[in-house]
Protein backbone atom coordinates (compact mmCIF):
# COMPACT_ATOMS: atom_id res chain seq x y z
CA UNK A 1 1.39 53.02 -21.15
CA UNK A 2 1.77 49.67 -22.93
CA UNK A 3 5.11 49.70 -22.44
CA UNK A 4 4.75 50.33 -19.06
CA UNK A 5 2.09 48.00 -18.18
CA UNK A 6 4.39 45.09 -19.94
CA UNK A 7 7.25 45.69 -17.75
CA UNK A 8 4.54 45.48 -15.20
CA UNK A 9 3.88 42.05 -16.23
CA UNK A 10 7.58 41.29 -16.15
CA UNK A 11 8.33 41.86 -13.52
CA UNK A 12 5.34 40.46 -11.64
CA UNK A 13 6.22 37.15 -13.71
CA UNK A 14 10.60 37.37 -12.49
CA UNK A 15 8.87 38.02 -8.96
CA UNK A 16 6.03 34.80 -8.54
CA UNK A 17 9.26 32.61 -10.64
CA UNK A 18 11.51 33.79 -7.73
CA UNK A 19 8.68 33.19 -4.92
CA UNK A 20 9.29 29.70 -2.59
CA UNK A 21 6.54 27.56 -3.48
CA UNK A 22 5.41 27.45 -0.35
CA UNK A 23 4.89 31.43 -0.16
CA UNK A 24 2.45 30.82 -2.89
CA UNK A 25 0.76 27.72 -1.72
CA UNK A 26 -2.96 28.40 0.03
CA UNK A 27 -3.03 27.53 3.72
CA UNK A 28 -5.09 24.91 3.08
CA UNK A 29 -2.38 22.93 1.11
CA UNK A 30 -0.03 23.50 3.84
CA UNK A 31 -2.46 22.22 6.53
CA UNK A 32 -3.51 19.76 4.68
CA UNK A 33 0.29 18.34 4.32
CA UNK A 34 1.29 18.70 7.70
CA UNK A 35 -1.62 16.78 8.38
CA UNK A 36 -1.05 13.84 6.35
CA UNK A 37 2.73 13.62 7.24
CA UNK A 38 1.63 13.17 10.82
CA UNK A 39 -1.20 10.91 10.11
CA UNK A 40 1.57 8.57 7.89
CA UNK A 41 4.39 8.94 10.80
CA UNK A 42 1.50 7.50 13.32
CA UNK A 43 0.63 5.12 10.77
CA UNK A 44 4.24 3.97 10.02
CA UNK A 45 5.34 3.61 13.72
CA UNK A 46 2.38 1.49 14.59
CA UNK A 47 2.62 -0.54 11.34
CA UNK A 48 6.31 -1.33 11.93
CA UNK A 49 5.62 -2.49 16.02
CA UNK A 50 2.54 -4.70 14.80
CA UNK A 51 5.29 -6.70 12.78
CA UNK A 52 5.90 -9.54 15.53
CA UNK A 53 1.93 -9.75 15.35
CA UNK A 54 1.12 -10.22 11.59
CA UNK A 55 4.34 -12.72 11.65
CA UNK A 56 2.21 -14.31 14.82
CA UNK A 57 -0.55 -14.50 12.59
CA UNK A 58 0.83 -15.73 9.06
CA UNK A 59 2.48 -18.66 10.99
CA UNK A 60 -1.13 -19.46 12.14
CA UNK A 61 -2.08 -19.40 8.99
CA UNK A 62 0.51 -21.32 7.47
CA UNK A 63 -0.25 -24.02 10.25
CA UNK A 64 -4.18 -24.19 9.46
CA UNK A 65 -2.71 -24.76 5.41
CA UNK A 66 -0.32 -27.59 6.77
CA UNK A 67 -2.77 -29.05 8.26
CA UNK A 68 -5.51 -28.90 5.97
CA UNK A 69 -4.11 -29.40 2.81
CA UNK A 70 -0.26 -29.69 3.33
CA UNK A 71 1.61 -30.52 -0.67
CA UNK A 72 -1.43 -29.98 -2.20
CA UNK A 73 0.17 -28.62 -5.08
CA UNK A 74 2.56 -30.80 -5.54
CA UNK A 75 3.20 -31.73 -8.91
CA UNK A 76 2.44 -28.39 -10.75
CA UNK A 77 5.01 -26.83 -12.63
CA UNK A 78 6.43 -22.96 -12.49
CA UNK A 79 4.91 -21.36 -15.35
CA UNK A 80 2.79 -18.64 -16.53
CA UNK A 81 -0.21 -19.93 -16.02
CA UNK A 82 0.40 -20.86 -12.21
CA UNK A 83 0.50 -17.32 -12.14
CA UNK A 84 -2.99 -16.61 -10.33
CA UNK A 85 -2.55 -19.45 -7.82
CA UNK A 86 0.58 -17.65 -6.91
CA UNK A 87 -1.41 -14.24 -6.71
CA UNK A 88 -3.63 -15.90 -4.65
CA UNK A 89 -0.91 -17.04 -2.39
CA UNK A 90 0.62 -13.67 -1.51
CA UNK A 91 -3.25 -12.09 -1.36
CA UNK A 92 -3.77 -14.41 1.46
CA UNK A 93 -0.73 -13.18 3.11
CA UNK A 94 -1.78 -9.41 2.05
CA UNK A 95 -4.90 -10.16 3.49
CA UNK A 96 -3.48 -11.27 7.06
CA UNK A 97 -0.96 -9.00 8.19
CA UNK A 98 -3.70 -6.16 6.62
CA UNK A 99 -6.57 -7.23 8.43
CA UNK A 100 -3.81 -7.52 11.81
CA UNK A 101 -3.22 -3.77 11.20
CA UNK A 102 -7.12 -3.29 10.90
CA UNK A 103 -7.51 -0.77 13.32
CA UNK A 104 -4.41 1.26 12.17
CA UNK A 105 -6.09 1.46 8.86
CA UNK A 106 -8.65 2.63 9.77
CA UNK A 107 -7.26 5.66 11.88
CA UNK A 108 -5.06 6.72 8.93
CA UNK A 109 -8.08 6.69 6.38
CA UNK A 110 -10.52 8.26 9.05
CA UNK A 111 -7.26 11.25 9.36
CA UNK A 112 -6.75 11.73 5.66
CA UNK A 113 -10.05 11.28 4.08
CA UNK A 114 -10.65 15.32 4.62
CA UNK A 115 -7.67 16.47 3.45
CA UNK A 116 -8.09 18.51 0.21
CA UNK A 117 -5.23 20.56 -1.59
CA UNK A 118 -5.73 22.85 -5.09
CA UNK A 119 -3.91 19.81 -6.77
CA UNK A 120 -6.11 17.75 -7.50
CA UNK A 121 -3.49 15.69 -8.15
CA UNK A 122 -2.25 15.06 -4.61
CA UNK A 123 -5.86 14.55 -3.10
CA UNK A 124 -6.74 12.15 -5.01
CA UNK A 125 -3.53 9.94 -4.60
CA UNK A 126 -3.31 10.25 -0.99
CA UNK A 127 -7.08 10.19 -0.09
CA UNK A 128 -6.89 7.29 -2.80
CA UNK A 129 -4.07 5.35 -0.89
CA UNK A 130 -5.54 5.76 2.98
CA UNK A 131 -8.86 4.09 1.29
CA UNK A 132 -7.57 1.32 -0.37
CA UNK A 133 -5.44 0.50 3.04
CA UNK A 134 -8.96 0.47 4.72
CA UNK A 135 -10.18 -1.89 1.98
CA UNK A 136 -7.22 -4.33 2.10
CA UNK A 137 -7.69 -4.23 6.10
CA UNK A 138 -11.68 -5.49 5.28
CA UNK A 139 -10.40 -8.30 2.36
CA UNK A 140 -11.77 -11.62 2.89
CA UNK A 141 -9.48 -14.20 3.42
CA UNK A 142 -9.58 -16.76 0.28
CA UNK A 143 -10.15 -20.34 0.56
CA UNK A 144 -6.57 -21.45 -0.53
CA UNK A 145 -6.89 -25.15 0.59
CA UNK A 146 -10.21 -25.37 -1.51
CA UNK A 147 -8.96 -23.39 -4.76
CA UNK A 148 -5.71 -25.00 -4.36
CA UNK A 149 -7.56 -28.79 -4.61
CA UNK A 150 -9.78 -27.86 -7.35
CA UNK A 151 -6.45 -26.37 -9.28
CA UNK A 152 -5.09 -29.78 -8.53
CA UNK A 153 -7.91 -32.30 -9.63
CA UNK A 154 -8.19 -30.39 -13.11
CA UNK A 155 -4.31 -32.04 -13.66
CA UNK A 156 -3.45 -28.08 -12.44
CA UNK A 157 -4.86 -26.82 -16.08
CA UNK A 158 -7.57 -24.79 -15.13
CA UNK A 159 -7.79 -21.45 -12.59
CA UNK A 160 -10.80 -22.05 -10.42
CA UNK A 161 -13.39 -19.24 -10.94
CA UNK A 162 -13.24 -17.94 -7.27
CA UNK A 163 -9.33 -17.66 -7.38
CA UNK A 164 -9.67 -15.03 -10.49
CA UNK A 165 -12.52 -13.17 -8.98
CA UNK A 166 -10.07 -12.85 -5.66
CA UNK A 167 -7.26 -12.16 -7.69
CA UNK A 168 -8.96 -9.04 -9.70
CA UNK A 169 -10.52 -7.90 -6.25
CA UNK A 170 -6.80 -7.62 -5.00
CA UNK A 171 -5.84 -6.05 -8.46
CA UNK A 172 -8.13 -3.39 -7.89
CA UNK A 173 -7.54 -2.18 -4.64
CA UNK A 174 -3.67 -2.49 -3.93
CA UNK A 175 -2.24 0.67 -3.76
CA UNK A 176 0.92 3.13 -3.21
CA UNK A 177 1.98 5.99 -0.85
CA UNK A 178 1.98 8.91 -2.81
CA UNK A 179 5.80 10.33 -3.77
CA UNK A 180 6.74 12.47 -1.01
CA UNK A 181 8.33 14.47 -3.55
CA UNK A 182 4.76 15.54 -4.44
CA UNK A 183 4.28 17.45 -1.16
CA UNK A 184 7.31 18.74 -1.07
CA UNK A 185 5.71 22.39 -3.04
CA UNK A 186 3.23 23.20 0.23
CA UNK A 187 5.85 22.31 2.85
CA UNK A 188 7.08 25.57 5.45
CA UNK A 189 9.79 25.04 7.70
CA UNK A 190 7.53 22.41 10.04
CA UNK A 191 6.27 19.88 7.39
CA UNK A 192 10.02 19.41 6.08
CA UNK A 193 11.14 18.27 9.31
CA UNK A 194 8.28 16.43 9.37
CA UNK A 195 8.60 14.83 5.67
CA UNK A 196 11.97 14.02 6.15
CA UNK A 197 11.17 11.38 9.13
CA UNK A 198 8.46 10.06 7.29
CA UNK A 199 10.82 9.12 4.76
CA UNK A 200 12.81 7.66 7.41
CA UNK A 201 10.27 5.67 8.35
CA UNK A 202 8.92 4.75 4.95
CA UNK A 203 12.28 3.38 4.40
CA UNK A 204 12.69 1.25 7.72
CA UNK A 205 8.94 -0.25 6.93
CA UNK A 206 9.84 -1.18 3.28
CA UNK A 207 12.76 -3.19 4.47
CA UNK A 208 11.39 -5.05 7.35
CA UNK A 209 7.69 -5.93 5.13
CA UNK A 210 10.28 -6.86 2.14
CA UNK A 211 12.00 -9.25 4.25
CA UNK A 212 9.39 -10.99 6.27
CA UNK A 213 7.05 -10.73 3.50
CA UNK A 214 9.86 -13.36 1.05
CA UNK A 215 9.89 -15.44 4.57
CA UNK A 216 6.34 -15.91 4.59
CA UNK A 217 5.69 -16.05 0.64
CA UNK A 218 8.56 -18.80 0.37
CA UNK A 219 7.18 -20.69 3.45
CA UNK A 220 3.45 -20.89 2.81
CA UNK A 221 4.90 -22.12 -1.05
CA UNK A 222 6.95 -24.65 0.40
CA UNK A 223 3.83 -25.57 2.68
CA UNK A 224 1.70 -25.65 -0.29
CA UNK A 225 4.35 -27.14 -2.69
CA UNK A 226 3.90 -24.58 -4.77
CA UNK A 227 6.60 -24.25 -6.93
CA UNK A 228 8.33 -20.42 -7.27
């Protein structure tokens, strides 16, 4: 009987090893995966479509800096000590971009927040990412001109406390989309097709965001005369 029991255990183990992961996944896992992928596709399409509006808002922001504090950082040098000021510039641009997409981020967060997986890491990563987009979308922009003037007044030696506080706030909420590979074990045929579409949209969005972000960053640094 012991030998028979051992054989049964081995047979079950082999069957489990050969069974597709989707067959072992709880229905909730597959349903959550499908809902997340659908929400991600909707979010990415909307974010791509909003890029011209974001660009217009960033242009307006830069015109404001040009009027209020043109070349305020002239005379500063590029070194690690200036990194917090450079990061604040990036944060100001992120704040402008994400606030433009606030409704998109809110809809995505609402769709994703109730989702749960049997793998707690996936739940944490997915829900946390959606929450980070929501937080960035309501992030108050820094008073960049005031901070730059305060920095300049010290001979570019002392970083203002407001800059440090803003940078820490941004660093604490900056998030990244979870790798789609994490969800692969919970995909059925329909979810695999959706995942492929999301991957394509992610690649398109990242390329567009990377190109425009660098353009906006360079433009703002030039307006402020902040070395790269």
